[in-house]
Protein backbone atom coordinates (compact mmCIF):
# COMPACT_ATOMS: atom_id res chain seq x y z
CA MET A 1 9.10 -18.63 -30.63
CA THR A 2 5.70 -16.95 -30.27
CA ARG A 3 5.58 -17.80 -26.57
CA GLU A 4 9.08 -16.36 -26.07
CA LEU A 5 8.15 -13.16 -27.91
CA ASP A 6 4.95 -12.71 -25.93
CA ALA A 7 6.77 -13.24 -22.62
CA GLY A 8 9.47 -10.77 -23.58
CA VAL A 9 7.00 -8.08 -24.61
CA ILE A 10 4.92 -8.53 -21.47
CA SER A 11 7.98 -8.27 -19.24
CA ALA A 12 9.23 -5.24 -21.16
CA ARG A 13 5.87 -3.51 -21.00
CA HIS A 14 5.63 -4.09 -17.25
CA ARG A 15 9.03 -2.50 -16.66
CA CYS A 16 8.70 0.36 -19.14
CA GLU A 17 5.29 1.55 -17.94
CA HIS A 18 6.64 2.12 -14.46
CA LEU A 19 9.89 3.91 -15.12
CA GLY A 20 7.82 7.01 -15.82
CA ASP A 21 10.16 9.52 -17.49
CA SER A 22 7.92 12.07 -19.16
CA VAL A 23 10.12 15.13 -19.59
CA ASP A 24 10.14 16.80 -23.02
CA VAL A 25 12.60 14.93 -25.19
CA GLY A 26 13.58 18.22 -26.79
CA GLU A 27 15.99 18.83 -23.91
CA LEU A 28 18.65 16.44 -25.17
CA ALA A 29 21.82 18.50 -25.24
CA VAL A 30 23.93 17.66 -22.23
CA GLY A 31 27.49 17.09 -21.25
CA GLY A 32 29.29 17.11 -24.60
CA GLY A 33 28.16 13.78 -26.05
CA GLU A 34 30.63 11.34 -27.53
CA GLN A 35 33.78 13.02 -26.28
CA HIS A 36 33.02 11.73 -22.78
CA ALA A 37 35.26 8.69 -22.85
CA MET A 38 34.84 5.96 -20.27
CA LYS A 39 38.01 7.14 -18.57
CA TRP A 40 36.31 10.46 -17.89
CA VAL A 41 33.27 8.60 -16.59
CA HIS A 42 35.43 6.74 -14.10
CA GLU A 43 37.05 10.00 -13.02
CA VAL A 44 33.68 11.64 -12.41
CA ARG A 45 32.20 8.65 -10.62
CA GLY A 46 35.36 7.57 -8.81
CA TYR A 47 37.21 4.29 -8.95
CA GLY A 48 36.70 1.58 -6.36
CA ARG A 49 32.93 1.90 -6.10
CA VAL A 50 31.12 -1.01 -4.53
CA MET A 51 28.78 -2.80 -6.95
CA ARG A 52 25.90 -4.82 -5.53
CA VAL A 53 23.57 -7.05 -7.53
CA ASP A 54 19.79 -7.08 -7.16
CA VAL A 55 17.20 -9.20 -8.90
CA MET A 56 14.21 -7.57 -10.59
CA THR A 57 11.14 -8.71 -8.64
CA PHE A 58 7.47 -8.49 -9.53
CA PRO A 59 5.18 -8.47 -6.48
CA LYS A 60 3.13 -11.64 -6.03
CA ALA A 61 0.44 -12.66 -3.58
CA LEU A 62 1.83 -11.69 -0.19
CA ARG A 63 1.83 -15.26 1.09
CA GLN A 64 4.24 -16.14 -1.72
CA MET A 65 6.69 -13.29 -1.19
CA GLY A 66 8.46 -14.90 1.76
CA THR A 67 9.39 -17.95 -0.29
CA THR A 68 10.55 -15.75 -3.15
CA ALA A 69 12.72 -13.72 -0.77
CA LEU A 70 14.28 -16.81 0.77
CA ASP A 71 15.02 -18.23 -2.68
CA THR A 72 16.65 -14.91 -3.62
CA GLN A 73 18.76 -14.85 -0.48
CA ARG A 74 19.88 -18.47 -0.86
CA ALA A 75 20.77 -17.96 -4.51
CA GLY A 76 23.27 -15.22 -3.62
CA PHE A 77 21.71 -11.92 -4.66
CA ASP A 78 22.35 -8.83 -2.53
CA GLY A 79 18.82 -7.56 -2.77
CA MET A 80 15.42 -7.41 -4.41
CA LEU A 81 14.20 -4.51 -6.51
CA PHE A 82 10.39 -4.36 -6.69
CA THR A 83 8.44 -2.98 -9.60
CA GLU A 84 4.86 -1.78 -9.21
CA GLY A 85 2.07 -2.76 -11.57
CA GLY A 86 -1.14 -4.59 -10.82
CA ARG A 87 0.19 -5.25 -7.31
CA THR A 88 1.72 -2.57 -5.14
CA ALA A 89 5.36 -2.65 -4.11
CA TYR A 90 5.34 -1.70 -0.43
CA PRO A 91 3.39 -4.67 0.99
CA ALA A 92 5.57 -7.02 -1.07
CA VAL A 93 8.71 -5.41 0.37
CA THR A 94 7.30 -5.89 3.87
CA ALA A 95 6.56 -9.58 3.34
CA ALA A 96 9.95 -10.20 1.73
CA ALA A 97 11.88 -8.34 4.44
CA LEU A 98 10.18 -10.27 7.22
CA ALA A 99 11.21 -13.56 5.61
CA ALA A 100 14.74 -12.61 4.53
CA PRO A 101 15.94 -9.76 6.75
CA GLU A 102 19.51 -9.81 5.43
CA LEU A 103 18.49 -8.80 1.92
CA GLU A 104 18.55 -5.19 0.76
CA MET A 105 15.15 -3.98 -0.50
CA SER A 106 14.32 -1.31 -3.06
CA THR A 107 11.31 -0.11 -4.97
CA GLY A 108 12.18 0.26 -8.62
CA VAL A 109 9.99 2.06 -9.01
CA ALA A 110 6.91 2.91 -6.96
CA VAL A 111 4.47 5.37 -8.52
CA ALA A 112 4.77 8.70 -6.76
CA PHE A 113 1.87 11.02 -7.56
CA PRO A 114 -1.15 8.91 -6.50
CA ARG A 115 0.24 8.90 -2.94
CA SER A 116 0.88 12.04 -0.95
CA PRO A 117 4.54 12.72 -0.10
CA MET A 118 3.73 12.29 3.60
CA ILE A 119 2.15 8.86 3.08
CA THR A 120 5.13 7.73 1.00
CA ALA A 121 7.55 9.08 3.61
CA GLN A 122 5.76 7.26 6.43
CA VAL A 123 5.77 3.94 4.56
CA ALA A 124 9.45 4.32 3.63
CA TRP A 125 10.30 5.22 7.23
CA GLU A 126 8.68 2.07 8.57
CA LEU A 127 10.35 -0.09 5.92
CA GLN A 128 13.71 1.44 6.74
CA GLU A 129 13.13 0.53 10.38
CA LEU A 130 11.99 -3.00 9.48
CA THR A 131 15.02 -3.68 7.25
CA ALA A 132 17.54 -2.21 9.71
CA GLY A 133 18.54 0.46 7.20
CA ARG A 134 18.51 -1.73 4.08
CA PHE A 135 15.64 -0.03 2.21
CA ARG A 136 15.86 2.36 -0.77
CA LEU A 137 12.78 4.28 -1.89
CA GLY A 138 12.65 4.38 -5.69
CA LEU A 139 10.04 6.69 -7.20
CA GLY A 140 8.79 7.38 -10.72
CA THR A 141 6.22 9.52 -12.46
CA GLN A 142 4.49 6.74 -14.45
CA VAL A 143 2.81 8.03 -17.64
CA ARG A 144 -0.07 10.42 -18.10
CA THR A 145 -2.72 7.86 -19.06
CA HIS A 146 -2.16 5.78 -15.95
CA VAL A 147 -1.85 8.71 -13.56
CA VAL A 148 -4.88 10.61 -14.83
CA ARG A 149 -7.22 7.86 -15.99
CA ARG A 150 -6.31 4.99 -13.66
CA TYR A 151 -5.24 6.79 -10.49
CA GLY A 152 -7.35 9.92 -10.97
CA VAL A 153 -4.70 12.49 -9.97
CA GLU A 154 -2.90 15.37 -11.69
CA PHE A 155 0.09 14.86 -13.95
CA GLU A 156 0.99 18.31 -15.29
CA ARG A 157 4.73 19.08 -15.44
CA PRO A 158 5.76 15.67 -14.12
CA GLY A 159 9.48 16.44 -13.89
CA PRO A 160 9.20 19.52 -11.66
CA ARG A 161 6.36 17.82 -9.78
CA LEU A 162 8.60 14.83 -8.98
CA ARG A 163 11.40 17.16 -7.88
CA ASP A 164 9.06 18.86 -5.41
CA TYR A 165 7.76 15.46 -4.31
CA VAL A 166 11.25 14.21 -3.45
CA LEU A 167 11.99 17.34 -1.42
CA ALA A 168 8.66 16.99 0.40
CA VAL A 169 9.45 13.37 1.28
CA LYS A 170 12.84 14.37 2.64
CA ALA A 171 11.26 17.22 4.63
CA SER A 172 8.91 14.66 6.15
CA PHE A 173 11.85 12.48 7.17
CA ALA A 174 13.38 15.46 8.98
CA ALA A 175 10.06 16.13 10.69
CA PHE A 176 9.92 12.55 11.97
CA ARG A 177 13.20 13.27 13.76
CA GLY A 178 11.71 16.31 15.43
CA GLU A 179 12.54 19.16 13.09
CA PRO A 180 9.77 21.58 12.09
CA LEU A 181 7.79 20.50 9.03
CA ASP A 182 8.06 23.47 6.70
CA HIS A 183 8.02 22.45 3.04
CA HIS A 184 6.49 24.93 0.61
CA GLY A 185 7.06 23.94 -2.99
CA GLU A 186 5.38 24.55 -6.29
CA PHE A 187 3.11 21.53 -5.95
CA TYR A 188 3.16 20.47 -2.29
CA ASP A 189 2.77 22.39 0.97
CA LEU A 190 3.46 20.51 4.19
CA ASP A 191 3.65 22.40 7.48
CA PHE A 192 1.72 20.51 10.13
CA ILE A 193 2.69 17.47 12.17
CA ASN A 194 2.60 16.77 15.88
CA ARG A 195 3.84 13.95 18.07
CA GLN A 196 0.59 12.02 17.83
CA TRP A 197 0.81 11.79 14.04
CA SER A 198 4.56 11.33 13.68
CA PRO A 199 6.16 7.86 13.63
CA GLY A 200 9.05 9.39 15.55
CA PRO A 201 12.80 8.84 15.19
CA ILE A 202 14.28 5.49 14.21
CA ASP A 203 17.75 4.09 14.92
CA GLN A 204 18.65 4.12 11.24
CA PRO A 205 19.66 6.80 8.72
CA ASP A 206 16.97 8.32 6.54
CA PRO A 207 15.98 6.08 3.61
CA LYS A 208 17.71 6.85 0.32
CA VAL A 209 15.33 8.36 -2.22
CA ASP A 210 15.99 7.39 -5.85
CA ILE A 211 14.13 8.41 -9.00
CA ALA A 212 13.64 6.95 -12.46
CA ALA A 213 15.17 9.22 -15.11
CA VAL A 214 15.89 8.93 -18.82
CA ASN A 215 16.00 12.38 -20.38
CA PRO A 216 18.64 15.00 -19.57
CA TRP A 217 16.45 17.33 -17.50
CA MET A 218 15.45 14.46 -15.22
CA LEU A 219 19.03 13.27 -14.90
CA ARG A 220 20.19 16.74 -13.87
CA MET A 221 17.31 16.99 -11.43
CA ALA A 222 18.29 13.63 -9.93
CA GLY A 223 21.80 14.95 -9.46
CA GLU A 224 20.39 17.91 -7.55
CA VAL A 225 17.92 16.31 -5.15
CA ALA A 226 17.92 12.48 -5.31
CA ASP A 227 20.15 9.83 -3.79
CA GLY A 228 20.09 7.56 -6.82
CA VAL A 229 18.95 7.16 -10.41
CA HIS A 230 17.07 4.20 -11.84
CA VAL A 231 18.42 3.95 -15.37
CA HIS A 232 16.17 2.62 -18.13
CA PRO A 233 16.72 -1.01 -19.25
CA ILE A 234 18.05 0.19 -22.63
CA GLY A 235 20.66 2.31 -20.86
CA GLU A 236 23.72 0.79 -22.53
CA PRO A 237 27.22 1.94 -21.52
CA GLY A 238 27.40 4.57 -24.28
CA TYR A 239 24.20 6.17 -23.00
CA LEU A 240 25.66 6.17 -19.49
CA GLU A 241 28.70 8.01 -20.87
CA ARG A 242 26.80 10.52 -22.98
CA HIS A 243 23.91 11.36 -20.68
CA VAL A 244 23.63 9.71 -17.30
CA VAL A 245 27.03 10.42 -15.77
CA PRO A 246 27.43 13.99 -17.11
CA GLY A 247 23.77 14.82 -16.40
CA VAL A 248 23.93 13.63 -12.81
CA ALA A 249 27.29 15.38 -12.34
CA ALA A 250 25.88 18.67 -13.66
CA GLY A 251 22.94 18.49 -11.29
CA ALA A 252 25.13 17.58 -8.34
CA ASP A 253 27.46 20.47 -9.12
CA ARG A 254 24.53 22.86 -9.24
CA ALA A 255 23.46 21.65 -5.79
CA GLY A 256 27.00 21.91 -4.41
CA ARG A 257 27.50 18.21 -3.77
CA SER A 258 29.49 15.34 -5.22
CA ALA A 259 28.21 13.14 -8.06
CA ASP A 260 29.38 10.24 -5.89
CA ASP A 261 26.43 11.01 -3.61
CA VAL A 262 24.07 9.77 -6.33
CA ALA A 263 23.95 6.02 -6.92
CA LEU A 264 23.44 4.64 -10.42
CA ILE A 265 21.03 1.71 -10.43
CA VAL A 266 21.24 -0.05 -13.78
CA PRO A 267 19.15 -2.98 -15.03
CA VAL A 268 20.88 -5.22 -17.54
CA THR A 269 19.55 -7.64 -20.13
CA THR A 270 21.70 -10.75 -20.34
CA ILE A 271 22.01 -13.52 -22.89
CA VAL A 272 23.70 -16.42 -21.13
CA GLY A 273 24.20 -20.10 -21.72
CA ASP A 274 26.63 -22.90 -22.43
CA SER A 275 24.76 -24.30 -25.41
CA ASP A 276 23.56 -22.95 -28.74
CA GLU A 277 19.99 -23.61 -27.63
CA GLU A 278 20.35 -21.50 -24.49
CA ILE A 279 21.91 -18.62 -26.40
CA ALA A 280 19.25 -18.76 -29.12
CA ALA A 281 16.46 -18.66 -26.52
CA GLY A 282 18.14 -15.76 -24.73
CA ARG A 283 18.50 -13.80 -27.94
CA ALA A 284 14.84 -14.34 -28.80
CA MET A 285 13.75 -13.02 -25.40
CA ALA A 286 16.10 -10.06 -25.69
CA ARG A 287 14.82 -9.15 -29.16
CA ALA A 288 11.24 -9.19 -27.89
CA SER A 289 12.02 -7.00 -24.87
CA LEU A 290 14.21 -4.54 -26.75
CA SER A 291 11.68 -4.22 -29.56
CA PHE A 292 9.07 -3.10 -27.07
CA TYR A 293 11.37 -0.48 -25.59
CA GLY A 294 12.31 0.56 -29.09
CA SER A 295 8.70 1.43 -29.83
CA THR A 296 8.59 4.26 -27.27
CA PRO A 297 9.05 7.60 -29.09
CA ASN A 298 10.59 9.45 -26.14
CA TYR A 299 13.42 6.92 -25.98
CA ALA A 300 14.21 6.92 -29.71
CA PHE A 301 17.26 9.13 -29.15
CA ILE A 302 18.97 6.34 -27.20
CA TRP A 303 18.85 4.03 -30.22
CA ASP A 304 19.76 6.80 -32.65
CA GLU A 305 22.82 7.92 -30.70
CA ALA A 306 24.03 4.32 -30.41
CA GLY A 307 24.15 4.13 -34.21
CA PHE A 308 20.74 2.60 -34.89
CA GLU A 309 18.85 5.52 -36.40
CA GLY A 310 15.27 4.86 -37.33
CA THR A 311 14.87 1.83 -35.06
CA THR A 312 11.87 3.30 -33.28
CA GLU A 313 10.09 4.26 -36.50
CA ARG A 314 10.58 0.81 -38.01
CA ILE A 315 9.39 -0.96 -34.90
CA ARG A 316 6.34 1.28 -34.56
CA THR A 317 5.34 0.46 -38.12
CA ARG A 318 5.37 -3.22 -37.22
CA GLN A 319 3.61 -2.54 -33.94
CA LYS A 320 0.74 -0.70 -35.62
CA ALA A 321 0.24 -3.77 -37.80
CA GLY A 322 0.11 -6.02 -34.73
CA ASP A 323 3.23 -7.85 -35.91
CA LEU A 324 5.09 -8.90 -32.74
CA ALA A 325 7.46 -11.19 -34.60
CA GLY A 326 8.22 -8.39 -37.05
CA MET A 327 8.94 -6.01 -34.18
CA ALA A 328 11.47 -8.44 -32.72
CA ALA A 329 13.01 -9.02 -36.14
CA GLU A 330 13.94 -5.31 -36.30
CA ILE A 331 16.39 -5.95 -33.45
CA THR A 332 19.53 -7.15 -35.17
CA ASP A 333 22.54 -8.98 -33.79
CA ASP A 334 24.28 -5.59 -33.77
CA HIS A 335 21.57 -4.20 -31.50
CA LEU A 336 22.02 -7.15 -29.15
CA GLY A 337 25.76 -6.61 -29.09
CA VAL A 338 25.32 -3.06 -27.80
CA PHE A 339 22.26 -3.31 -25.56
CA CYS A 340 22.80 -6.76 -24.01
CA THR A 341 25.57 -8.70 -22.31
CA GLU A 342 26.12 -12.14 -23.85
CA ALA A 343 28.37 -14.74 -22.24
CA THR A 344 28.72 -18.28 -20.98
CA TRP A 345 27.78 -18.88 -17.37
CA ASP A 346 31.45 -18.97 -16.34
CA ASP A 347 32.18 -15.68 -18.11
CA LEU A 348 29.08 -13.63 -17.29
CA ALA A 349 30.37 -12.13 -14.04
CA ASP A 350 33.60 -11.01 -15.73
CA ALA A 351 31.66 -9.52 -18.63
CA LEU A 352 29.36 -7.49 -16.36
CA VAL A 353 32.23 -6.30 -14.17
CA ALA A 354 34.17 -5.19 -17.24
CA LYS A 355 31.20 -3.12 -18.44
CA TYR A 356 29.91 -1.59 -15.24
CA ALA A 357 32.35 -1.78 -12.31
CA GLY A 358 33.49 1.61 -11.08
CA ILE A 359 30.40 3.34 -12.49
CA VAL A 360 27.36 1.49 -11.17
CA GLU A 361 26.44 1.01 -7.51
CA ARG A 362 23.58 -1.41 -8.04
CA LEU A 363 23.35 -3.77 -10.99
CA VAL A 364 19.87 -5.20 -11.50
CA LEU A 365 19.56 -8.55 -13.26
CA TYR A 366 16.38 -8.38 -15.30
CA ASN A 367 16.16 -11.89 -16.76
CA PRO A 368 16.05 -14.19 -13.69
CA ALA A 369 12.48 -13.19 -12.80
CA PHE A 370 11.29 -14.87 -16.01
CA ASP A 371 13.60 -17.88 -15.96
CA THR A 372 13.58 -21.40 -14.56
CA PRO A 373 14.48 -22.14 -10.91
CA ASP A 374 17.75 -23.75 -11.97
CA ARG A 375 18.81 -20.76 -14.03
CA PHE A 376 17.66 -18.40 -11.25
CA GLU A 377 20.14 -20.11 -8.94
CA ARG A 378 22.90 -19.82 -11.54
CA TYR A 379 22.21 -16.12 -11.83
CA GLY A 380 22.53 -15.90 -8.05
CA THR A 381 25.97 -17.49 -8.27
CA VAL A 382 26.93 -14.82 -10.82
CA ALA A 383 25.60 -12.11 -8.51
CA ARG A 384 27.66 -13.43 -5.61
CA ALA A 385 30.79 -13.54 -7.77
CA ILE A 386 30.32 -9.89 -8.74
CA SER A 387 29.67 -8.69 -5.19
CA ASP A 388 32.56 -10.68 -3.76
CA ARG A 389 35.06 -8.99 -6.04
CA SER A 390 33.74 -5.48 -5.44
CA PRO A 391 35.77 -3.39 -2.99
CA SER A 392 34.22 -2.90 0.43
């Protein structure tokens, strides 16, 4: 049990640290709350949306990434979504794409501020060319401690800074196609490029630019300027109803575009197995991961609104005492029922389609990265079943 808890907390910490949503949690009123029924969500997002399935991927030594990509492709996943931690995402994407060119590649997410918008745009441009248009650039703010003390760059007003960053990246894309570079934002000024320093046009559309967002201001901002939203791993369907869909729709409306222009990229925690032992192990891992997310104060509102008030406070009390098992024990079966999808292997695809089809463009399976090779392949079969039944 201790090993399972430690693995779950480590995996949760790795993901949570890089989603980077740092907007003031005081801005929580958006979109009318509970009255947004799922029917309304479908109407806003549109029925018949294609749902593709990615696997969460943690960059490894570059010589290993080709094998990982081939295993992912053979298993049946549509793509790989790369986090960024001790190893950077972009070289891993390059190695994976060279080995498995049919896969779709995304960063989910790469840290924005330590790199200039022009550098990020150039890297994304080359990856879009390499993948024949199958690359999505996912960006996040990270958190203040990492940005200031590890990367040594500024972090003030991260939400507006990320908004300006996205616009600067898109202005750079336009400049690569020959348009004048003329971006003057609150944080970034870009107005010089010549042929010698431009990668030049490519025979692919501009890369999609997605951002990690949790709080309402960030979700509205994503609706205004981004091409997709990376939802937090505790983004259960009720949270999608209450905040994500109406927030993105409000931002899109403000920008004069359709909410359908903004993809929802949603990681899911699954508990799957055909035996009591498999289910018990899956629940233990889920409790560990969810308890870590539950300790983050800025995300407490997600638990509270789902009917689990005080979850964050209780978990933080255990955390301060160094009690990992106690943290996990605060996650009840009721929590798991809301924040996870539990099923047999034969039923998992149906369960995920029932929850997310018509709303989500990209479903990200979180668990396979930490599972056995045999179970990884079974997850790939589930991914293929979901993609095959999505409309094209």
